[in-house]
Amino acid sequence: MLRSILVDVLLAVAFTGLTMVTLNEQHGGQIPWAEGVVAVLTVVPIAMRQRAPVLTMAVIVGALTAYALLGYGDFPNGGVGILVGMFTVAMLRPPGVAAVMFLATIATTMIAYFTGDAPAGAAAWSQVVQVGLIMAGVWALGDSTKNWALRAERLAAQAARAAADERVSIARELHDIVSHHMSVVSLQSGLAEYVLDSDPGTARTAIVTAGEASREALLDMRRLLDVLRIEPGDELDVAADTESVSGSGYRPQPGLAQLEELVNRTRNAGVEVDLSVTGRRLPLPPGLDLCAYRVVQESLTNILKHAGPACARVEVDYGPHTLMVRISDDGNGGNRVHASPASHGIRGMRERAELYGGMFSAGPAKEGGFTVTLRLPLDAAR
């Protein structure tokens, strides 16, 4: 702000200097003090145009009117001050205020051309119309500048919201990856330590399961970090290198096609899971597919962490218009911490569902345990 005010002050100083040079040439070095003061007032207020645009314009119009009524002749600076003032009012104030200033400018112009010794003929009217058109153009330019600035602000706000949404999305992905895989690793490591001496076979299986979960977590993290590292123009390279990426251990985003692997991993972690898929399977959009998979993953993770000894059931139904996913268990659901709607896991699943126009519910079941239900529209997948 200080820098822009300094620019306005320098602009006012420059216009004032030019005005005084013009008057000096007209009067042969002997400028009447009254005319000099009025002439200076037609440009000096520009220094305050951004802080008080209406007052600046009013002072300039008043000075030009006085200059015309006192019979000093044509404006010494060509009326440049009123042009700057009109532009500033149009840019910083509502259209109604700009309209009043525009009419004041026309009135001042008529006073300048219809008073004094000049004949009020067609030439005078031509000058008034010409000035009016110029001022209308300046008004339109100022209003366009204001609209451009507002649009730039809206785009900046949209970009900020998009960045915030992207951060939330990344945080959600990280939560799902870390929460599920690390829970499996923690549980299996604890089991291996507990039965290491008494049951080496079970301990070995637990260690293998923990290793698989940790490797899958690392792959998911590498995929996520590589997505974040993609720069503009890299999309073609990524598409061209799909084959080599797949061969180096990268995998596409998980979906319901990997549901059996997820269920088996949960079974290996110690929870009996029954999987049921009904209806005609459809190829789902990647976002929808990932949403359904993450909800199942988060729900099974919560069962591992909070349900205690429990059996779980995952039901997936491809209906005519809706994909229904239900995850239920018979554990200690009524006292679970994660049952709170404000918990990160529940909130993240609900946000995922709402992002794709779906419906989500989670809570203790009447017969005991805990149930999570997701419904997603399938119209876009057909």
Protein backbone atom coordinates (compact mmCIF):
# COMPACT_ATOMS: atom_id res chain seq x y z
CA MET A 1 0.00 0.00 0.00
CA LEU A 2 2.80 2.42 0.92
CA ARG A 3 4.50 1.74 -2.40
CA SER A 4 1.36 2.51 -4.41
CA ILE A 5 0.82 5.76 -2.48
CA LEU A 6 4.42 6.76 -3.21
CA VAL A 7 3.79 6.15 -6.93
CA ASP A 8 0.68 8.39 -6.75
CA VAL A 9 2.67 11.13 -5.05
CA LEU A 10 5.35 10.98 -7.74
CA LEU A 11 2.62 11.05 -10.41
CA ALA A 12 1.05 14.13 -8.82
CA VAL A 13 4.45 15.85 -8.62
CA ALA A 14 5.15 15.09 -12.30
CA PHE A 15 1.75 16.43 -13.44
CA THR A 16 2.16 19.52 -11.28
CA GLY A 17 5.56 20.22 -12.80
CA LEU A 18 4.19 19.88 -16.32
CA THR A 19 1.26 22.16 -15.48
CA MET A 20 3.54 24.87 -14.13
CA VAL A 21 5.82 24.63 -17.18
CA THR A 22 2.79 25.06 -19.46
CA LEU A 23 1.53 28.09 -17.52
CA ASN A 24 5.01 29.58 -17.51
CA GLU A 25 5.15 29.35 -21.31
CA GLN A 26 1.69 30.89 -21.66
CA HIS A 27 2.45 33.85 -19.40
CA GLY A 28 6.06 34.46 -20.35
CA GLY A 29 7.43 33.59 -16.95
CA GLN A 30 4.91 35.68 -14.97
CA ILE A 31 2.23 33.27 -13.67
CA PRO A 32 -0.62 34.93 -11.72
CA TRP A 33 -0.64 33.36 -8.29
CA ALA A 34 -4.42 32.73 -8.24
CA GLU A 35 -4.36 30.97 -11.60
CA GLY A 36 -1.34 28.96 -10.50
CA VAL A 37 -3.06 27.79 -7.31
CA VAL A 38 -6.23 26.73 -9.12
CA ALA A 39 -4.23 25.00 -11.85
CA VAL A 40 -2.21 23.06 -9.29
CA LEU A 41 -5.40 21.93 -7.55
CA THR A 42 -6.47 20.20 -10.77
CA VAL A 43 -3.63 17.63 -10.42
CA VAL A 44 -2.20 17.69 -6.87
CA PRO A 45 -5.11 15.66 -5.35
CA ILE A 46 -3.98 12.68 -7.45
CA ALA A 47 -1.53 11.95 -4.63
CA MET A 48 -4.51 10.85 -2.47
CA ARG A 49 -6.58 9.15 -5.17
CA GLN A 50 -6.43 5.62 -3.69
CA ARG A 51 -7.15 6.66 -0.11
CA ALA A 52 -9.96 9.11 -0.90
CA PRO A 53 -10.99 8.71 -4.57
CA VAL A 54 -14.32 10.56 -4.32
CA LEU A 55 -12.81 13.51 -2.45
CA THR A 56 -9.93 13.60 -4.95
CA MET A 57 -12.36 13.71 -7.86
CA ALA A 58 -14.50 16.36 -6.18
CA VAL A 59 -11.51 18.67 -5.58
CA ILE A 60 -10.33 18.28 -9.18
CA VAL A 61 -13.81 18.95 -10.59
CA GLY A 62 -14.18 21.98 -8.33
CA ALA A 63 -10.80 23.35 -9.38
CA LEU A 64 -11.56 22.88 -13.09
CA THR A 65 -14.93 24.58 -12.63
CA ALA A 66 -13.28 27.53 -10.89
CA TYR A 67 -10.63 27.69 -13.61
CA ALA A 68 -13.36 27.98 -16.26
CA LEU A 69 -15.52 30.49 -14.34
CA LEU A 70 -12.53 32.75 -13.66
CA GLY A 71 -11.91 32.93 -17.40
CA TYR A 72 -8.39 31.51 -17.41
CA GLY A 73 -9.00 29.74 -20.73
CA ASP A 74 -8.26 26.15 -21.66
CA PHE A 75 -7.14 23.77 -18.98
CA PRO A 76 -3.32 24.02 -18.68
CA ASN A 77 -2.84 20.25 -18.37
CA GLY A 78 -5.56 19.15 -20.79
CA GLY A 79 -7.72 17.91 -17.89
CA VAL A 80 -5.44 14.92 -17.20
CA GLY A 81 -6.28 15.09 -13.48
CA ILE A 82 -9.97 14.51 -14.09
CA LEU A 83 -9.19 11.50 -16.29
CA VAL A 84 -7.11 9.90 -13.54
CA GLY A 85 -9.77 10.76 -10.98
CA MET A 86 -12.58 9.22 -13.06
CA PHE A 87 -10.60 6.04 -13.60
CA THR A 88 -9.88 5.73 -9.88
CA VAL A 89 -13.51 6.29 -8.82
CA ALA A 90 -14.73 3.73 -11.36
CA MET A 91 -12.17 1.22 -10.12
CA LEU A 92 -12.59 1.67 -6.36
CA ARG A 93 -16.20 2.77 -5.86
CA PRO A 94 -19.67 1.45 -6.83
CA PRO A 95 -21.14 2.32 -10.25
CA GLY A 96 -23.62 4.79 -8.71
CA VAL A 97 -20.82 6.93 -7.29
CA ALA A 98 -18.98 6.75 -10.61
CA ALA A 99 -22.14 7.90 -12.43
CA VAL A 100 -22.43 10.98 -10.18
CA MET A 101 -18.79 11.86 -10.83
CA PHE A 102 -19.30 11.38 -14.56
CA LEU A 103 -22.26 13.81 -14.56
CA ALA A 104 -20.21 16.31 -12.56
CA THR A 105 -17.49 16.07 -15.20
CA ILE A 106 -19.99 16.76 -18.01
CA ALA A 107 -21.34 19.75 -16.08
CA THR A 108 -17.82 21.14 -15.65
CA THR A 109 -17.13 20.66 -19.35
CA MET A 110 -20.32 22.55 -20.28
CA ILE A 111 -19.35 25.40 -17.96
CA ALA A 112 -15.92 25.54 -19.62
CA TYR A 113 -17.31 25.68 -23.17
CA PHE A 114 -20.49 27.70 -22.64
CA THR A 115 -19.13 30.55 -20.49
CA GLY A 116 -16.81 33.36 -21.30
CA ASP A 117 -16.30 34.86 -24.73
CA ALA A 118 -16.47 31.60 -26.69
CA PRO A 119 -19.64 31.27 -28.84
CA ALA A 120 -21.98 28.48 -27.72
CA GLY A 121 -22.41 26.93 -31.13
CA ALA A 122 -22.08 23.51 -32.71
CA ALA A 123 -18.36 23.44 -32.02
CA ALA A 124 -18.97 23.79 -28.29
CA TRP A 125 -21.49 20.94 -28.28
CA SER A 126 -19.06 18.84 -30.30
CA GLN A 127 -16.39 19.41 -27.66
CA VAL A 128 -18.80 18.47 -24.85
CA VAL A 129 -19.79 15.26 -26.62
CA GLN A 130 -16.17 14.43 -27.30
CA VAL A 131 -15.22 14.92 -23.66
CA GLY A 132 -18.24 12.86 -22.61
CA LEU A 133 -17.16 9.95 -24.81
CA ILE A 134 -13.61 10.11 -23.49
CA MET A 135 -14.83 10.12 -19.88
CA ALA A 136 -17.23 7.22 -20.62
CA GLY A 137 -14.28 5.26 -22.01
CA VAL A 138 -12.22 6.01 -18.90
CA TRP A 139 -15.18 4.97 -16.71
CA ALA A 140 -15.49 1.68 -18.62
CA LEU A 141 -11.75 1.07 -18.34
CA GLY A 142 -11.81 1.63 -14.58
CA ASP A 143 -14.84 -0.63 -14.14
CA SER A 144 -13.18 -3.36 -16.25
CA THR A 145 -10.05 -3.10 -14.14
CA LYS A 146 -12.14 -3.52 -10.99
CA ASN A 147 -13.88 -6.58 -12.43
CA TRP A 148 -10.54 -8.06 -13.44
CA ALA A 149 -9.16 -7.54 -9.94
CA LEU A 150 -12.25 -9.15 -8.38
CA ARG A 151 -11.94 -12.10 -10.75
CA ALA A 152 -8.26 -12.48 -9.85
CA GLU A 153 -9.21 -12.50 -6.15
CA ARG A 154 -11.87 -15.14 -6.78
CA LEU A 155 -9.42 -17.31 -8.69
CA ALA A 156 -6.85 -16.92 -5.92
CA ALA A 157 -9.47 -17.92 -3.33
CA GLN A 158 -10.49 -20.92 -5.46
CA ALA A 159 -6.85 -21.93 -5.77
CA ALA A 160 -6.41 -21.65 -2.02
CA ARG A 161 -9.52 -23.79 -1.42
CA ALA A 162 -8.32 -26.33 -3.98
CA ALA A 163 -4.93 -26.51 -2.25
CA ALA A 164 -6.65 -26.98 1.11
CA ASP A 165 -8.87 -29.71 -0.33
CA GLU A 166 -5.82 -31.40 -1.82
CA ARG A 167 -4.06 -31.31 1.54
CA VAL A 168 -7.11 -32.91 3.15
CA SER A 169 -7.18 -35.57 0.42
CA ILE A 170 -3.48 -36.33 0.90
CA ALA A 171 -3.91 -36.47 4.66
CA ARG A 172 -6.83 -38.86 4.20
CA GLU A 173 -4.78 -41.12 1.94
CA LEU A 174 -1.88 -41.12 4.39
CA HIS A 175 -4.21 -41.90 7.26
CA ASP A 176 -5.74 -44.85 5.41
CA ILE A 177 -2.38 -46.25 4.37
CA VAL A 178 -0.59 -45.83 7.67
CA SER A 179 -3.53 -46.72 9.92
CA HIS A 180 -4.34 -50.00 8.20
CA HIS A 181 -0.89 -51.36 7.42
CA MET A 182 0.75 -50.24 10.65
CA SER A 183 -2.10 -51.74 12.67
CA VAL A 184 -1.50 -55.08 10.98
CA VAL A 185 2.25 -54.80 11.52
CA SER A 186 1.79 -53.88 15.19
CA LEU A 187 -0.65 -56.69 15.92
CA GLN A 188 1.33 -59.35 14.07
CA SER A 189 4.61 -58.25 15.64
CA GLY A 190 3.07 -58.46 19.09
CA LEU A 191 1.66 -61.90 18.32
CA ALA A 192 5.01 -63.14 17.02
CA GLU A 193 6.77 -61.92 20.14
CA TYR A 194 4.17 -63.57 22.39
CA VAL A 195 4.30 -67.03 20.77
CA LEU A 196 7.91 -66.99 19.57
CA ASP A 197 9.03 -69.72 22.01
CA SER A 198 5.78 -71.68 22.43
CA ASP A 199 4.57 -71.76 18.81
CA PRO A 200 7.32 -70.93 16.28
CA GLY A 201 5.05 -71.75 13.32
CA THR A 202 2.46 -69.18 14.33
CA ALA A 203 5.22 -66.67 15.06
CA ARG A 204 6.70 -67.24 11.59
CA THR A 205 3.29 -66.70 9.94
CA ALA A 206 2.77 -63.51 11.93
CA ILE A 207 6.18 -62.20 10.89
CA VAL A 208 5.46 -62.98 7.22
CA THR A 209 2.11 -61.16 7.45
CA ALA A 210 3.76 -58.14 9.10
CA GLY A 211 6.42 -58.09 6.37
CA GLU A 212 3.82 -58.19 3.61
CA ALA A 213 1.82 -55.39 5.23
CA SER A 214 4.91 -53.21 5.65
CA ARG A 215 6.00 -53.77 2.04
CA GLU A 216 2.54 -52.89 0.78
CA ALA A 217 2.55 -49.76 2.94
CA LEU A 218 5.90 -48.73 1.44
CA LEU A 219 4.60 -49.28 -2.09
CA ASP A 220 1.50 -47.21 -1.39
CA MET A 221 3.62 -44.45 0.14
CA ARG A 222 5.98 -44.45 -2.86
CA ARG A 223 3.04 -44.21 -5.23
CA LEU A 224 1.53 -41.32 -3.27
CA LEU A 225 4.84 -39.44 -3.04
CA ASP A 226 5.52 -39.91 -6.75
CA VAL A 227 2.10 -38.46 -7.54
CA LEU A 228 2.97 -35.44 -5.41
CA ARG A 229 6.28 -35.03 -7.25
CA ILE A 230 4.67 -34.88 -10.71
CA GLU A 231 5.32 -31.47 -12.29
CA PRO A 232 3.51 -29.81 -15.21
CA GLY A 233 4.35 -31.68 -18.39
CA ASP A 234 5.22 -34.91 -16.60
CA GLU A 235 1.83 -36.50 -17.27
CA LEU A 236 2.93 -37.72 -20.72
CA ASP A 237 6.10 -39.21 -19.28
CA VAL A 238 4.08 -40.99 -16.61
CA ALA A 239 1.69 -42.39 -19.21
CA ALA A 240 4.57 -43.52 -21.43
CA ASP A 241 6.40 -45.20 -18.55
CA THR A 242 3.44 -47.15 -17.18
CA GLU A 243 4.98 -50.46 -18.17
CA SER A 244 8.34 -49.75 -16.58
CA VAL A 245 6.71 -48.36 -13.46
CA SER A 246 4.65 -51.49 -13.03
CA GLY A 247 7.74 -53.58 -13.41
CA SER A 248 9.58 -51.65 -10.69
CA GLY A 249 7.03 -52.39 -8.03
CA TYR A 250 4.51 -49.61 -8.48
CA ARG A 251 0.82 -50.41 -8.67
CA PRO A 252 -2.29 -48.46 -9.64
CA GLN A 253 -4.66 -47.11 -7.03
CA PRO A 254 -6.34 -49.98 -5.17
CA GLY A 255 -10.00 -50.76 -5.73
CA LEU A 256 -12.60 -53.44 -5.13
CA ALA A 257 -10.61 -55.78 -7.37
CA GLN A 258 -8.06 -55.96 -4.52
CA LEU A 259 -10.74 -56.58 -1.89
CA GLU A 260 -9.88 -60.28 -1.56
CA GLU A 261 -6.25 -59.39 -0.77
CA LEU A 262 -7.39 -56.90 1.87
CA VAL A 263 -9.70 -59.47 3.47
CA ASN A 264 -6.98 -62.14 3.48
CA ARG A 265 -4.54 -59.74 5.10
CA THR A 266 -7.09 -58.98 7.81
CA ARG A 267 -7.69 -62.71 8.34
CA ASN A 268 -3.95 -63.24 8.74
CA ALA A 269 -3.98 -60.48 11.35
CA GLY A 270 -6.36 -62.55 13.46
CA VAL A 271 -9.89 -61.44 12.53
CA GLU A 272 -12.20 -63.87 10.77
CA VAL A 273 -13.76 -62.04 7.83
CA ASP A 274 -16.57 -63.28 5.62
CA LEU A 275 -16.70 -61.65 2.16
CA SER A 276 -19.89 -61.55 0.08
CA VAL A 277 -20.16 -59.91 -3.37
CA THR A 278 -23.56 -59.87 -5.10
CA GLY A 279 -24.93 -58.33 -8.28
CA ARG A 280 -23.28 -57.84 -11.66
CA ARG A 281 -19.80 -56.41 -11.24
CA LEU A 282 -19.17 -53.18 -13.11
CA PRO A 283 -15.94 -51.36 -13.97
CA LEU A 284 -16.05 -48.37 -11.62
CA PRO A 285 -14.46 -44.94 -12.10
CA PRO A 286 -11.09 -44.84 -10.27
CA GLY A 287 -12.26 -42.34 -7.66
CA LEU A 288 -15.42 -44.28 -6.86
CA ASP A 289 -13.51 -47.56 -6.75
CA LEU A 290 -10.88 -46.13 -4.41
CA CYS A 291 -13.57 -44.63 -2.16
CA ALA A 292 -15.27 -48.01 -1.67
CA TYR A 293 -11.95 -49.76 -1.07
CA ARG A 294 -10.76 -47.20 1.49
CA VAL A 295 -14.01 -47.41 3.45
CA VAL A 296 -13.63 -51.20 3.70
CA GLN A 297 -9.96 -50.82 4.61
CA GLU A 298 -10.62 -48.23 7.31
CA SER A 299 -13.51 -50.27 8.74
CA LEU A 300 -11.44 -53.45 8.95
CA THR A 301 -8.60 -51.47 10.53
CA ASN A 302 -10.99 -50.17 13.18
CA ILE A 303 -12.15 -53.71 13.85
CA LEU A 304 -8.54 -54.80 14.33
CA LYS A 305 -7.83 -51.89 16.67
CA HIS A 306 -11.04 -51.58 18.66
CA ALA A 307 -13.37 -54.55 18.37
CA GLY A 308 -11.43 -57.05 20.43
CA PRO A 309 -12.19 -60.73 19.66
CA ALA A 310 -14.63 -60.45 16.79
CA CYS A 311 -15.81 -61.85 13.48
CA ALA A 312 -16.45 -59.45 10.61
CA ARG A 313 -18.53 -59.55 7.47
CA VAL A 314 -17.97 -57.49 4.30
CA GLU A 315 -20.91 -57.26 1.91
CA VAL A 316 -20.67 -55.66 -1.52
CA ASP A 317 -23.78 -55.37 -3.64
CA TYR A 318 -23.80 -54.01 -7.20
CA GLY A 319 -27.39 -52.80 -7.50
CA PRO A 320 -29.13 -51.32 -10.55
CA HIS A 321 -28.25 -47.77 -9.56
CA THR A 322 -26.31 -48.01 -6.29
CA LEU A 323 -23.20 -49.70 -5.00
CA MET A 324 -23.79 -50.79 -1.41
CA VAL A 325 -20.89 -51.71 0.88
CA ARG A 326 -21.56 -52.87 4.43
CA ILE A 327 -18.95 -53.86 6.99
CA SER A 328 -20.22 -55.32 10.24
CA ASP A 329 -18.74 -57.17 13.20
CA ASP A 330 -19.89 -58.75 16.44
CA GLY A 331 -17.19 -57.27 18.65
CA ASN A 332 -17.46 -54.78 21.50
CA GLY A 333 -18.91 -52.10 19.23
CA GLY A 334 -20.96 -50.22 21.80
CA ASN A 335 -17.92 -49.01 23.76
CA ARG A 336 -15.58 -48.27 20.89
CA VAL A 337 -13.74 -44.96 20.74
CA HIS A 338 -13.89 -44.88 16.95
CA ALA A 339 -17.71 -44.87 17.05
CA SER A 340 -17.66 -41.13 17.60
CA PRO A 341 -18.80 -39.21 14.48
CA ALA A 342 -16.01 -36.71 15.16
CA SER A 343 -13.21 -39.30 14.98
CA HIS A 344 -10.78 -38.95 12.09
CA GLY A 345 -11.61 -42.34 10.61
CA ILE A 346 -15.39 -41.88 10.58
CA ARG A 347 -15.10 -38.29 9.37
CA GLY A 348 -12.69 -39.27 6.60
CA MET A 349 -15.00 -42.04 5.34
CA ARG A 350 -17.99 -39.71 5.39
CA GLU A 351 -16.07 -37.04 3.45
CA ARG A 352 -15.08 -39.62 0.84
CA ALA A 353 -18.68 -40.71 0.41
CA GLU A 354 -19.99 -37.15 0.13
CA LEU A 355 -17.32 -36.32 -2.45
CA TYR A 356 -18.92 -38.84 -4.83
CA GLY A 357 -22.52 -38.06 -3.96
CA GLY A 358 -22.87 -41.10 -1.71
CA MET A 359 -24.41 -41.77 1.67
CA PHE A 360 -22.52 -43.01 4.70
CA SER A 361 -23.55 -44.22 8.13
CA ALA A 362 -21.66 -45.80 11.00
CA GLY A 363 -22.66 -46.81 14.50
CA PRO A 364 -23.30 -49.64 16.95
CA ALA A 365 -25.74 -52.29 15.75
CA LYS A 366 -28.84 -53.17 17.77
CA GLU A 367 -27.79 -56.81 18.10
CA GLY A 368 -24.28 -55.80 19.14
CA GLY A 369 -21.14 -55.02 17.26
CA PHE A 370 -20.61 -52.19 14.85
CA THR A 371 -21.85 -51.53 11.32
CA VAL A 372 -20.56 -49.25 8.59
CA THR A 373 -22.70 -48.73 5.49
CA LEU A 374 -21.73 -46.94 2.29
CA ARG A 375 -23.96 -46.27 -0.69
CA LEU A 376 -22.53 -44.79 -3.88
CA PRO A 377 -24.44 -43.88 -7.08
CA LEU A 378 -23.55 -46.06 -10.05
CA ASP A 379 -25.15 -43.98 -12.81
CA ALA A 380 -21.80 -42.45 -13.77
CA ALA A 381 -20.26 -45.91 -14.07
CA ARG A 382 -22.70 -47.12 -16.73
